[in-house]
PDB file of N, CA and C in Angstrom:
ATOM      1  N   UNK A   1      14.631   4.036 -29.661  1.00  0.00           N
ATOM      2  CA  UNK A   1      13.655   4.063 -28.587  1.00  0.00           C
ATOM      3  C   UNK A   1      12.283   3.685 -29.137  1.00  0.00           C
ATOM      4  N   UNK A   2      11.517   2.977 -28.368  1.00  0.00           N
ATOM      5  CA  UNK A   2      10.202   2.533 -28.787  1.00  0.00           C
ATOM      6  C   UNK A   2       9.184   3.661 -28.629  1.00  0.00           C
ATOM      7  N   UNK A   3       8.330   3.785 -29.614  1.00  0.00           N
ATOM      8  CA  UNK A   3       7.279   4.788 -29.577  1.00  0.00           C
ATOM      9  C   UNK A   3       6.229   4.350 -28.542  1.00  0.00           C
ATOM     10  N   UNK A   4       5.875   5.222 -27.551  1.00  0.00           N
ATOM     11  CA  UNK A   4       4.910   4.830 -26.518  1.00  0.00           C
ATOM     12  C   UNK A   4       3.555   4.430 -27.069  1.00  0.00           C
ATOM     13  N   UNK A   5       3.181   4.966 -28.229  1.00  0.00           N
ATOM     14  CA  UNK A   5       1.875   4.618 -28.777  1.00  0.00           C
ATOM     15  C   UNK A   5       1.855   3.192 -29.324  1.00  0.00           C
ATOM     16  N   UNK A   6       3.029   2.596 -29.552  1.00  0.00           N
ATOM     17  CA  UNK A   6       3.083   1.218 -30.063  1.00  0.00           C
ATOM     18  C   UNK A   6       3.073   0.189 -28.937  1.00  0.00           C
ATOM     19  N   UNK A   7       3.166   0.624 -27.687  1.00  0.00           N
ATOM     20  CA  UNK A   7       3.127  -0.298 -26.560  1.00  0.00           C
ATOM     21  C   UNK A   7       1.730  -0.894 -26.406  1.00  0.00           C
ATOM     22  N   UNK A   8       1.708  -2.139 -25.992  1.00  0.00           N
ATOM     23  CA  UNK A   8       0.433  -2.780 -25.690  1.00  0.00           C
ATOM     24  C   UNK A   8      -0.230  -2.003 -24.547  1.00  0.00           C
ATOM     25  N   UNK A   9      -1.488  -1.629 -24.670  1.00  0.00           N
ATOM     26  CA  UNK A   9      -2.143  -0.820 -23.626  1.00  0.00           C
ATOM     27  C   UNK A   9      -2.144  -1.492 -22.254  1.00  0.00           C
ATOM     28  N   UNK A  10      -2.320  -2.810 -22.230  1.00  0.00           N
ATOM     29  CA  UNK A  10      -2.326  -3.524 -20.952  1.00  0.00           C
ATOM     30  C   UNK A  10      -0.938  -3.490 -20.305  1.00  0.00           C
ATOM     31  N   UNK A  11       0.105  -3.670 -21.100  1.00  0.00           N
ATOM     32  CA  UNK A  11       1.474  -3.600 -20.592  1.00  0.00           C
ATOM     33  C   UNK A  11       1.773  -2.197 -20.077  1.00  0.00           C
ATOM     34  N   UNK A  12       1.346  -1.198 -20.827  1.00  0.00           N
ATOM     35  CA  UNK A  12       1.575   0.193 -20.407  1.00  0.00           C
ATOM     36  C   UNK A  12       0.882   0.471 -19.083  1.00  0.00           C
ATOM     37  N   UNK A  13      -0.335  -0.024 -18.916  1.00  0.00           N
ATOM     38  CA  UNK A  13      -1.085   0.159 -17.671  1.00  0.00           C
ATOM     39  C   UNK A  13      -0.357  -0.502 -16.500  1.00  0.00           C
ATOM     40  N   UNK A  14       0.126  -1.735 -16.702  1.00  0.00           N
ATOM     41  CA  UNK A  14       0.845  -2.441 -15.638  1.00  0.00           C
ATOM     42  C   UNK A  14       2.140  -1.733 -15.276  1.00  0.00           C
ATOM     43  N   UNK A  15       2.869  -1.226 -16.280  1.00  0.00           N
ATOM     44  CA  UNK A  15       4.122  -0.528 -16.020  1.00  0.00           C
ATOM     45  C   UNK A  15       3.888   0.779 -15.251  1.00  0.00           C
ATOM     46  N   UNK A  16       2.846   1.503 -15.623  1.00  0.00           N
ATOM     47  CA  UNK A  16       2.529   2.733 -14.900  1.00  0.00           C
ATOM     48  C   UNK A  16       2.102   2.445 -13.465  1.00  0.00           C
ATOM     49  N   UNK A  17       1.356   1.367 -13.265  1.00  0.00           N
ATOM     50  CA  UNK A  17       0.942   0.969 -11.913  1.00  0.00           C
ATOM     51  C   UNK A  17       2.162   0.604 -11.075  1.00  0.00           C
ATOM     52  N   UNK A  18       3.101  -0.118 -11.650  1.00  0.00           N
ATOM     53  CA  UNK A  18       4.319  -0.501 -10.932  1.00  0.00           C
ATOM     54  C   UNK A  18       5.162   0.730 -10.603  1.00  0.00           C
ATOM     55  N   UNK A  19       5.158   1.717 -11.474  1.00  0.00           N
ATOM     56  CA  UNK A  19       5.903   2.950 -11.206  1.00  0.00           C
ATOM     57  C   UNK A  19       5.278   3.728 -10.052  1.00  0.00           C
ATOM     58  N   UNK A  20       3.952   3.669  -9.928  1.00  0.00           N
ATOM     59  CA  UNK A  20       3.270   4.361  -8.824  1.00  0.00           C
ATOM     60  C   UNK A  20       3.439   3.635  -7.503  1.00  0.00           C
ATOM     61  N   UNK A  21       3.471   2.307  -7.537  1.00  0.00           N
ATOM     62  CA  UNK A  21       3.568   1.511  -6.301  1.00  0.00           C
ATOM     63  C   UNK A  21       4.672   0.467  -6.447  1.00  0.00           C
ATOM     64  N   UNK A  22       5.941   0.897  -6.337  1.00  0.00           N
ATOM     65  CA  UNK A  22       7.033  -0.058  -6.514  1.00  0.00           C
ATOM     66  C   UNK A  22       7.071  -1.090  -5.375  1.00  0.00           C
ATOM     67  N   UNK A  23       7.510  -2.265  -5.701  1.00  0.00           N
ATOM     68  CA  UNK A  23       7.685  -3.366  -4.739  1.00  0.00           C
ATOM     69  C   UNK A  23       6.378  -3.782  -4.077  1.00  0.00           C
ATOM     70  N   UNK A  24       5.254  -3.529  -4.705  1.00  0.00           N
ATOM     71  CA  UNK A  24       3.965  -3.825  -4.085  1.00  0.00           C
ATOM     72  C   UNK A  24       3.791  -5.318  -3.785  1.00  0.00           C
ATOM     73  N   UNK A  25       4.146  -6.162  -4.711  1.00  0.00           N
ATOM     74  CA  UNK A  25       3.947  -7.600  -4.480  1.00  0.00           C
ATOM     75  C   UNK A  25       4.834  -8.103  -3.349  1.00  0.00           C
ATOM     76  N   UNK A  26       6.038  -7.577  -3.248  1.00  0.00           N
ATOM     77  CA  UNK A  26       6.927  -7.974  -2.149  1.00  0.00           C
ATOM     78  C   UNK A  26       6.376  -7.480  -0.809  1.00  0.00           C
ATOM     79  N   UNK A  27       5.875  -6.235  -0.793  1.00  0.00           N
ATOM     80  CA  UNK A  27       5.280  -5.705   0.437  1.00  0.00           C
ATOM     81  C   UNK A  27       4.075  -6.531   0.847  1.00  0.00           C
ATOM     82  N   UNK A  28       3.213  -6.863  -0.127  1.00  0.00           N
ATOM     83  CA  UNK A  28       2.019  -7.654   0.197  1.00  0.00           C
ATOM     84  C   UNK A  28       2.387  -9.016   0.772  1.00  0.00           C
ATOM     85  N   UNK A  29       3.421  -9.644   0.219  1.00  0.00           N
ATOM     86  CA  UNK A  29       3.871 -10.932   0.755  1.00  0.00           C
ATOM     87  C   UNK A  29       4.339 -10.778   2.195  1.00  0.00           C
ATOM     88  N   UNK A  30       5.045  -9.694   2.482  1.00  0.00           N
ATOM     89  CA  UNK A  30       5.503  -9.440   3.854  1.00  0.00           C
ATOM     90  C   UNK A  30       4.321  -9.210   4.786  1.00  0.00           C
ATOM     91  N   UNK A  31       3.327  -8.422   4.355  1.00  0.00           N
ATOM     92  CA  UNK A  31       2.161  -8.170   5.202  1.00  0.00           C
ATOM     93  C   UNK A  31       1.405  -9.472   5.493  1.00  0.00           C
ATOM     94  N   UNK A  32       1.243 -10.332   4.474  1.00  0.00           N
ATOM     95  CA  UNK A  32       0.548 -11.603   4.693  1.00  0.00           C
ATOM     96  C   UNK A  32       1.343 -12.526   5.616  1.00  0.00           C
ATOM     97  N   UNK A  33       2.677 -12.515   5.509  1.00  0.00           N
ATOM     98  CA  UNK A  33       3.500 -13.325   6.406  1.00  0.00           C
ATOM     99  C   UNK A  33       3.361 -12.835   7.848  1.00  0.00           C
ATOM    100  N   UNK A  34       3.361 -11.525   8.048  1.00  0.00           N
ATOM    101  CA  UNK A  34       3.175 -10.975   9.393  1.00  0.00           C
ATOM    102  C   UNK A  34       1.790 -11.309   9.937  1.00  0.00           C
ATOM    103  N   UNK A  35       0.777 -11.218   9.076  1.00  0.00           N
ATOM    104  CA  UNK A  35      -0.583 -11.550   9.503  1.00  0.00           C
ATOM    105  C   UNK A  35      -0.683 -13.025   9.899  1.00  0.00           C
ATOM    106  N   UNK A  36      -0.088 -13.893   9.093  1.00  0.00           N
ATOM    107  CA  UNK A  36      -0.130 -15.329   9.399  1.00  0.00           C
ATOM    108  C   UNK A  36       0.582 -15.618  10.712  1.00  0.00           C
ATOM    109  N   UNK A  37       1.710 -14.985  10.935  1.00  0.00           N
ATOM    110  CA  UNK A  37       2.448 -15.181  12.178  1.00  0.00           C
ATOM    111  C   UNK A  37       1.622 -14.731  13.382  1.00  0.00           C
ATOM    112  N   UNK A  38       0.982 -13.572  13.261  1.00  0.00           N
ATOM    113  CA  UNK A  38       0.148 -13.074  14.359  1.00  0.00           C
ATOM    114  C   UNK A  38      -1.057 -13.982  14.586  1.00  0.00           C
ATOM    115  N   UNK A  39      -1.625 -14.507  13.516  1.00  0.00           N
ATOM    116  CA  UNK A  39      -2.780 -15.401  13.649  1.00  0.00           C
ATOM    117  C   UNK A  39      -2.388 -16.710  14.327  1.00  0.00           C
ATOM    118  N   UNK A  40      -1.224 -17.232  13.978  1.00  0.00           N
ATOM    119  CA  UNK A  40      -0.754 -18.466  14.632  1.00  0.00           C
ATOM    120  C   UNK A  40      -0.502 -18.207  16.116  1.00  0.00           C
ATOM    121  N   UNK A  41       0.088 -17.067  16.443  1.00  0.00           N
ATOM    122  CA  UNK A  41       0.318 -16.726  17.848  1.00  0.00           C
ATOM    123  C   UNK A  41      -0.984 -16.582  18.615  1.00  0.00           C
ATOM    124  N   UNK A  42      -1.967 -15.923  18.008  1.00  0.00           N
ATOM    125  CA  UNK A  42      -3.265 -15.759  18.670  1.00  0.00           C
ATOM    126  C   UNK A  42      -3.961 -17.107  18.847  1.00  0.00           C
ATOM    127  N   UNK A  43      -3.873 -17.973  17.843  1.00  0.00           N
ATOM    128  CA  UNK A  43      -4.481 -19.308  17.961  1.00  0.00           C
ATOM    129  C   UNK A  43      -3.800 -20.118  19.060  1.00  0.00           C
ATOM    130  N   UNK A  44      -2.486 -19.999  19.158  1.00  0.00           N
ATOM    131  CA  UNK A  44      -1.754 -20.708  20.208  1.00  0.00           C
ATOM    132  C   UNK A  44      -2.201 -20.232  21.587  1.00  0.00           C
ATOM    133  N   UNK A  45      -2.350 -18.921  21.740  1.00  0.00           N
ATOM    134  CA  UNK A  45      -2.809 -18.388  23.034  1.00  0.00           C
ATOM    135  C   UNK A  45      -4.244 -18.803  23.326  1.00  0.00           C
ATOM    136  N   UNK A  46      -5.082 -18.837  22.303  1.00  0.00           N
ATOM    137  CA  UNK A  46      -6.467 -19.263  22.500  1.00  0.00           C
ATOM    138  C   UNK A  46      -6.526 -20.726  22.944  1.00  0.00           C
ATOM    139  N   UNK A  47      -5.704 -21.569  22.330  1.00  0.00           N
ATOM    140  CA  UNK A  47      -5.692 -22.986  22.727  1.00  0.00           C
ATOM    141  C   UNK A  47      -5.147 -23.154  24.144  1.00  0.00           C
ATOM    142  N   UNK A  48      -4.127 -22.361  24.493  1.00  0.00           N
ATOM    143  CA  UNK A  48      -3.583 -22.427  25.847  1.00  0.00           C
ATOM    144  C   UNK A  48      -4.645 -21.994  26.855  1.00  0.00           C
ATOM    145  N   UNK A  49      -5.383 -20.916  26.533  1.00  0.00           N
ATOM    146  CA  UNK A  49      -6.448 -20.452  27.426  1.00  0.00           C
ATOM    147  C   UNK A  49      -7.586 -21.451  27.518  1.00  0.00           C
ATOM    148  N   UNK A  50      -7.936 -22.085  26.406  1.00  0.00           N
ATOM    149  CA  UNK A  50      -9.028 -23.064  26.403  1.00  0.00           C
ATOM    150  C   UNK A  50      -8.676 -24.314  27.199  1.00  0.00           C
ATOM    151  N   UNK A  51      -7.383 -24.631  27.267  1.00  0.00           N
ATOM    152  CA  UNK A  51      -6.983 -25.833  28.010  1.00  0.00           C
ATOM    153  C   UNK A  51      -6.788 -25.543  29.495  1.00  0.00           C
ATOM    154  N   UNK A  52      -7.042 -24.297  29.902  1.00  0.00           N
ATOM    155  CA  UNK A  52      -6.951 -23.968  31.320  1.00  0.00           C
ATOM    156  C   UNK A  52      -5.632 -23.332  31.706  1.00  0.00           C
ATOM    157  N   UNK A  53      -4.766 -23.108  30.748  1.00  0.00           N
ATOM    158  CA  UNK A  53      -3.483 -22.476  31.043  1.00  0.00           C
ATOM    159  C   UNK A  53      -3.638 -20.980  31.251  1.00  0.00           C
ATOM    160  N   UNK A  54      -2.647 -20.408  31.869  1.00  0.00           N
ATOM    161  CA  UNK A  54      -2.669 -18.976  32.145  1.00  0.00           C
ATOM    162  C   UNK A  54      -2.130 -18.212  30.941  1.00  0.00           C
ATOM    163  N   UNK A  55      -2.902 -17.248  30.473  1.00  0.00           N
ATOM    164  CA  UNK A  55      -2.485 -16.382  29.357  1.00  0.00           C
ATOM    165  C   UNK A  55      -2.441 -14.959  29.906  1.00  0.00           C
ATOM    166  N   UNK A  56      -1.233 -14.415  30.084  1.00  0.00           N
ATOM    167  CA  UNK A  56      -1.144 -13.047  30.611  1.00  0.00           C
ATOM    168  C   UNK A  56      -1.840 -12.052  29.678  1.00  0.00           C
ATOM    169  N   UNK A  57      -2.531 -11.093  30.283  1.00  0.00           N
ATOM    170  CA  UNK A  57      -3.288 -10.115  29.521  1.00  0.00           C
ATOM    171  C   UNK A  57      -2.375  -9.259  28.654  1.00  0.00           C
ATOM    172  N   UNK A  58      -1.175  -8.969  29.133  1.00  0.00           N
ATOM    173  CA  UNK A  58      -0.252  -8.156  28.329  1.00  0.00           C
ATOM    174  C   UNK A  58       0.174  -8.907  27.069  1.00  0.00           C
ATOM    175  N   UNK A  59       0.442 -10.202  27.192  1.00  0.00           N
ATOM    176  CA  UNK A  59       0.798 -10.998  26.017  1.00  0.00           C
ATOM    177  C   UNK A  59      -0.347 -11.057  25.014  1.00  0.00           C
ATOM    178  N   UNK A  60      -1.541 -11.226  25.526  1.00  0.00           N
ATOM    179  CA  UNK A  60      -2.712 -11.270  24.658  1.00  0.00           C
ATOM    180  C   UNK A  60      -2.908  -9.919  23.960  1.00  0.00           C
ATOM    181  N   UNK A  61      -2.707  -8.833  24.683  1.00  0.00           N
ATOM    182  CA  UNK A  61      -2.833  -7.498  24.095  1.00  0.00           C
ATOM    183  C   UNK A  61      -1.825  -7.260  22.989  1.00  0.00           C
ATOM    184  N   UNK A  62      -0.580  -7.690  23.199  1.00  0.00           N
ATOM    185  CA  UNK A  62       0.451  -7.554  22.174  1.00  0.00           C
ATOM    186  C   UNK A  62       0.092  -8.363  20.940  1.00  0.00           C
ATOM    187  N   UNK A  63      -0.417  -9.562  21.143  1.00  0.00           N
ATOM    188  CA  UNK A  63      -0.766 -10.431  20.017  1.00  0.00           C
ATOM    189  C   UNK A  63      -1.938  -9.868  19.229  1.00  0.00           C
ATOM    190  N   UNK A  64      -2.937  -9.360  19.923  1.00  0.00           N
ATOM    191  CA  UNK A  64      -4.095  -8.772  19.249  1.00  0.00           C
ATOM    192  C   UNK A  64      -3.671  -7.509  18.496  1.00  0.00           C
ATOM    193  N   UNK A  65      -2.801  -6.699  19.096  1.00  0.00           N
ATOM    194  CA  UNK A  65      -2.305  -5.493  18.424  1.00  0.00           C
ATOM    195  C   UNK A  65      -1.531  -5.858  17.163  1.00  0.00           C
ATOM    196  N   UNK A  66      -0.709  -6.898  17.232  1.00  0.00           N
ATOM    197  CA  UNK A  66       0.046  -7.338  16.051  1.00  0.00           C
ATOM    198  C   UNK A  66      -0.896  -7.821  14.960  1.00  0.00           C
ATOM    199  N   UNK A  67      -1.938  -8.530  15.339  1.00  0.00           N
ATOM    200  CA  UNK A  67      -2.917  -9.022  14.376  1.00  0.00           C
ATOM    201  C   UNK A  67      -3.656  -7.854  13.710  1.00  0.00           C
ATOM    202  N   UNK A  68      -4.076  -6.878  14.499  1.00  0.00           N
ATOM    203  CA  UNK A  68      -4.781  -5.721  13.942  1.00  0.00           C
ATOM    204  C   UNK A  68      -3.862  -4.861  13.083  1.00  0.00           C
ATOM    205  N   UNK A  69      -2.617  -4.689  13.511  1.00  0.00           N
ATOM    206  CA  UNK A  69      -1.673  -3.894  12.732  1.00  0.00           C
ATOM    207  C   UNK A  69      -1.394  -4.538  11.378  1.00  0.00           C
ATOM    208  N   UNK A  70      -1.150  -5.838  11.368  1.00  0.00           N
ATOM    209  CA  UNK A  70      -0.862  -6.508  10.103  1.00  0.00           C
ATOM    210  C   UNK A  70      -2.100  -6.517   9.196  1.00  0.00           C
ATOM    211  N   UNK A  71      -3.278  -6.665   9.767  1.00  0.00           N
ATOM    212  CA  UNK A  71      -4.507  -6.591   8.968  1.00  0.00           C
ATOM    213  C   UNK A  71      -4.675  -5.179   8.398  1.00  0.00           C
ATOM    214  N   UNK A  72      -4.342  -4.178   9.188  1.00  0.00           N
ATOM    215  CA  UNK A  72      -4.412  -2.799   8.702  1.00  0.00           C
ATOM    216  C   UNK A  72      -3.438  -2.534   7.573  1.00  0.00           C
ATOM    217  N   UNK A  73      -2.233  -3.101   7.668  1.00  0.00           N
ATOM    218  CA  UNK A  73      -1.258  -2.934   6.596  1.00  0.00           C
ATOM    219  C   UNK A  73      -1.758  -3.556   5.293  1.00  0.00           C
ATOM    220  N   UNK A  74      -2.382  -4.714   5.395  1.00  0.00           N
ATOM    221  CA  UNK A  74      -2.950  -5.359   4.205  1.00  0.00           C
ATOM    222  C   UNK A  74      -4.071  -4.489   3.635  1.00  0.00           C
ATOM    223  N   UNK A  75      -4.923  -3.945   4.510  1.00  0.00           N
ATOM    224  CA  UNK A  75      -6.047  -3.128   4.075  1.00  0.00           C
ATOM    225  C   UNK A  75      -5.577  -1.846   3.380  1.00  0.00           C
ATOM    226  N   UNK A  76      -4.607  -1.159   3.955  1.00  0.00           N
ATOM    227  CA  UNK A  76      -4.163   0.114   3.386  1.00  0.00           C
ATOM    228  C   UNK A  76      -3.319  -0.062   2.135  1.00  0.00           C
ATOM    229  N   UNK A  77      -2.775  -1.247   1.914  1.00  0.00           N
ATOM    230  CA  UNK A  77      -1.940  -1.497   0.742  1.00  0.00           C
ATOM    231  C   UNK A  77      -2.732  -2.141  -0.391  1.00  0.00           C
ATOM    232  N   UNK A  78      -4.053  -2.118  -0.279  1.00  0.00           N
ATOM    233  CA  UNK A  78      -4.883  -2.758  -1.301  1.00  0.00           C
ATOM    234  C   UNK A  78      -4.902  -1.926  -2.567  1.00  0.00           C
ATOM    235  N   UNK A  79      -5.382  -2.523  -3.639  1.00  0.00           N
ATOM    236  CA  UNK A  79      -5.520  -1.846  -4.910  1.00  0.00           C
ATOM    237  C   UNK A  79      -6.825  -1.066  -4.880  1.00  0.00           C
ATOM    238  N   UNK A  80      -6.753   0.239  -4.896  1.00  0.00           N
ATOM    239  CA  UNK A  80      -7.952   1.079  -4.746  1.00  0.00           C
ATOM    240  C   UNK A  80      -8.655   1.363  -6.071  1.00  0.00           C
ATOM    241  N   UNK A  81      -8.085   0.937  -7.183  1.00  0.00           N
ATOM    242  CA  UNK A  81      -8.699   1.209  -8.488  1.00  0.00           C
ATOM    243  C   UNK A  81      -9.834   0.257  -8.803  1.00  0.00           C
ATOM    244  N   UNK A  82      -9.836  -0.936  -8.237  1.00  0.00           N
ATOM    245  CA  UNK A  82     -10.873  -1.917  -8.564  1.00  0.00           C
ATOM    246  C   UNK A  82     -11.912  -2.001  -7.494  1.00  0.00           C
TER     247      UNK A  82
END
C-alpha cells in the first residue's frame, strides 16, 4: 500500500474533492445540456412571438421555469471553495 504522505499534494486534493462530490463533471454536463435545451426553446418561442405568432402563456411559463430550474442547478452545483 502506498504511504499517503508520499502522494502528490495536488493529486490528493483532487481525489478528496472527487470523493466529496462524485460524478460532478457528469452532473455539470447534464445541467448545461438542460440549460441549453431550455434556452433554445425560449429563443424559439421569442422568435415565434416576434414574428406575430401566438405563444400560449402556459407554454412560455413552462419554458421559463425550465430555464430557471436548470440555471439554479448549475448555480447550486458550483465549486464553493474558489
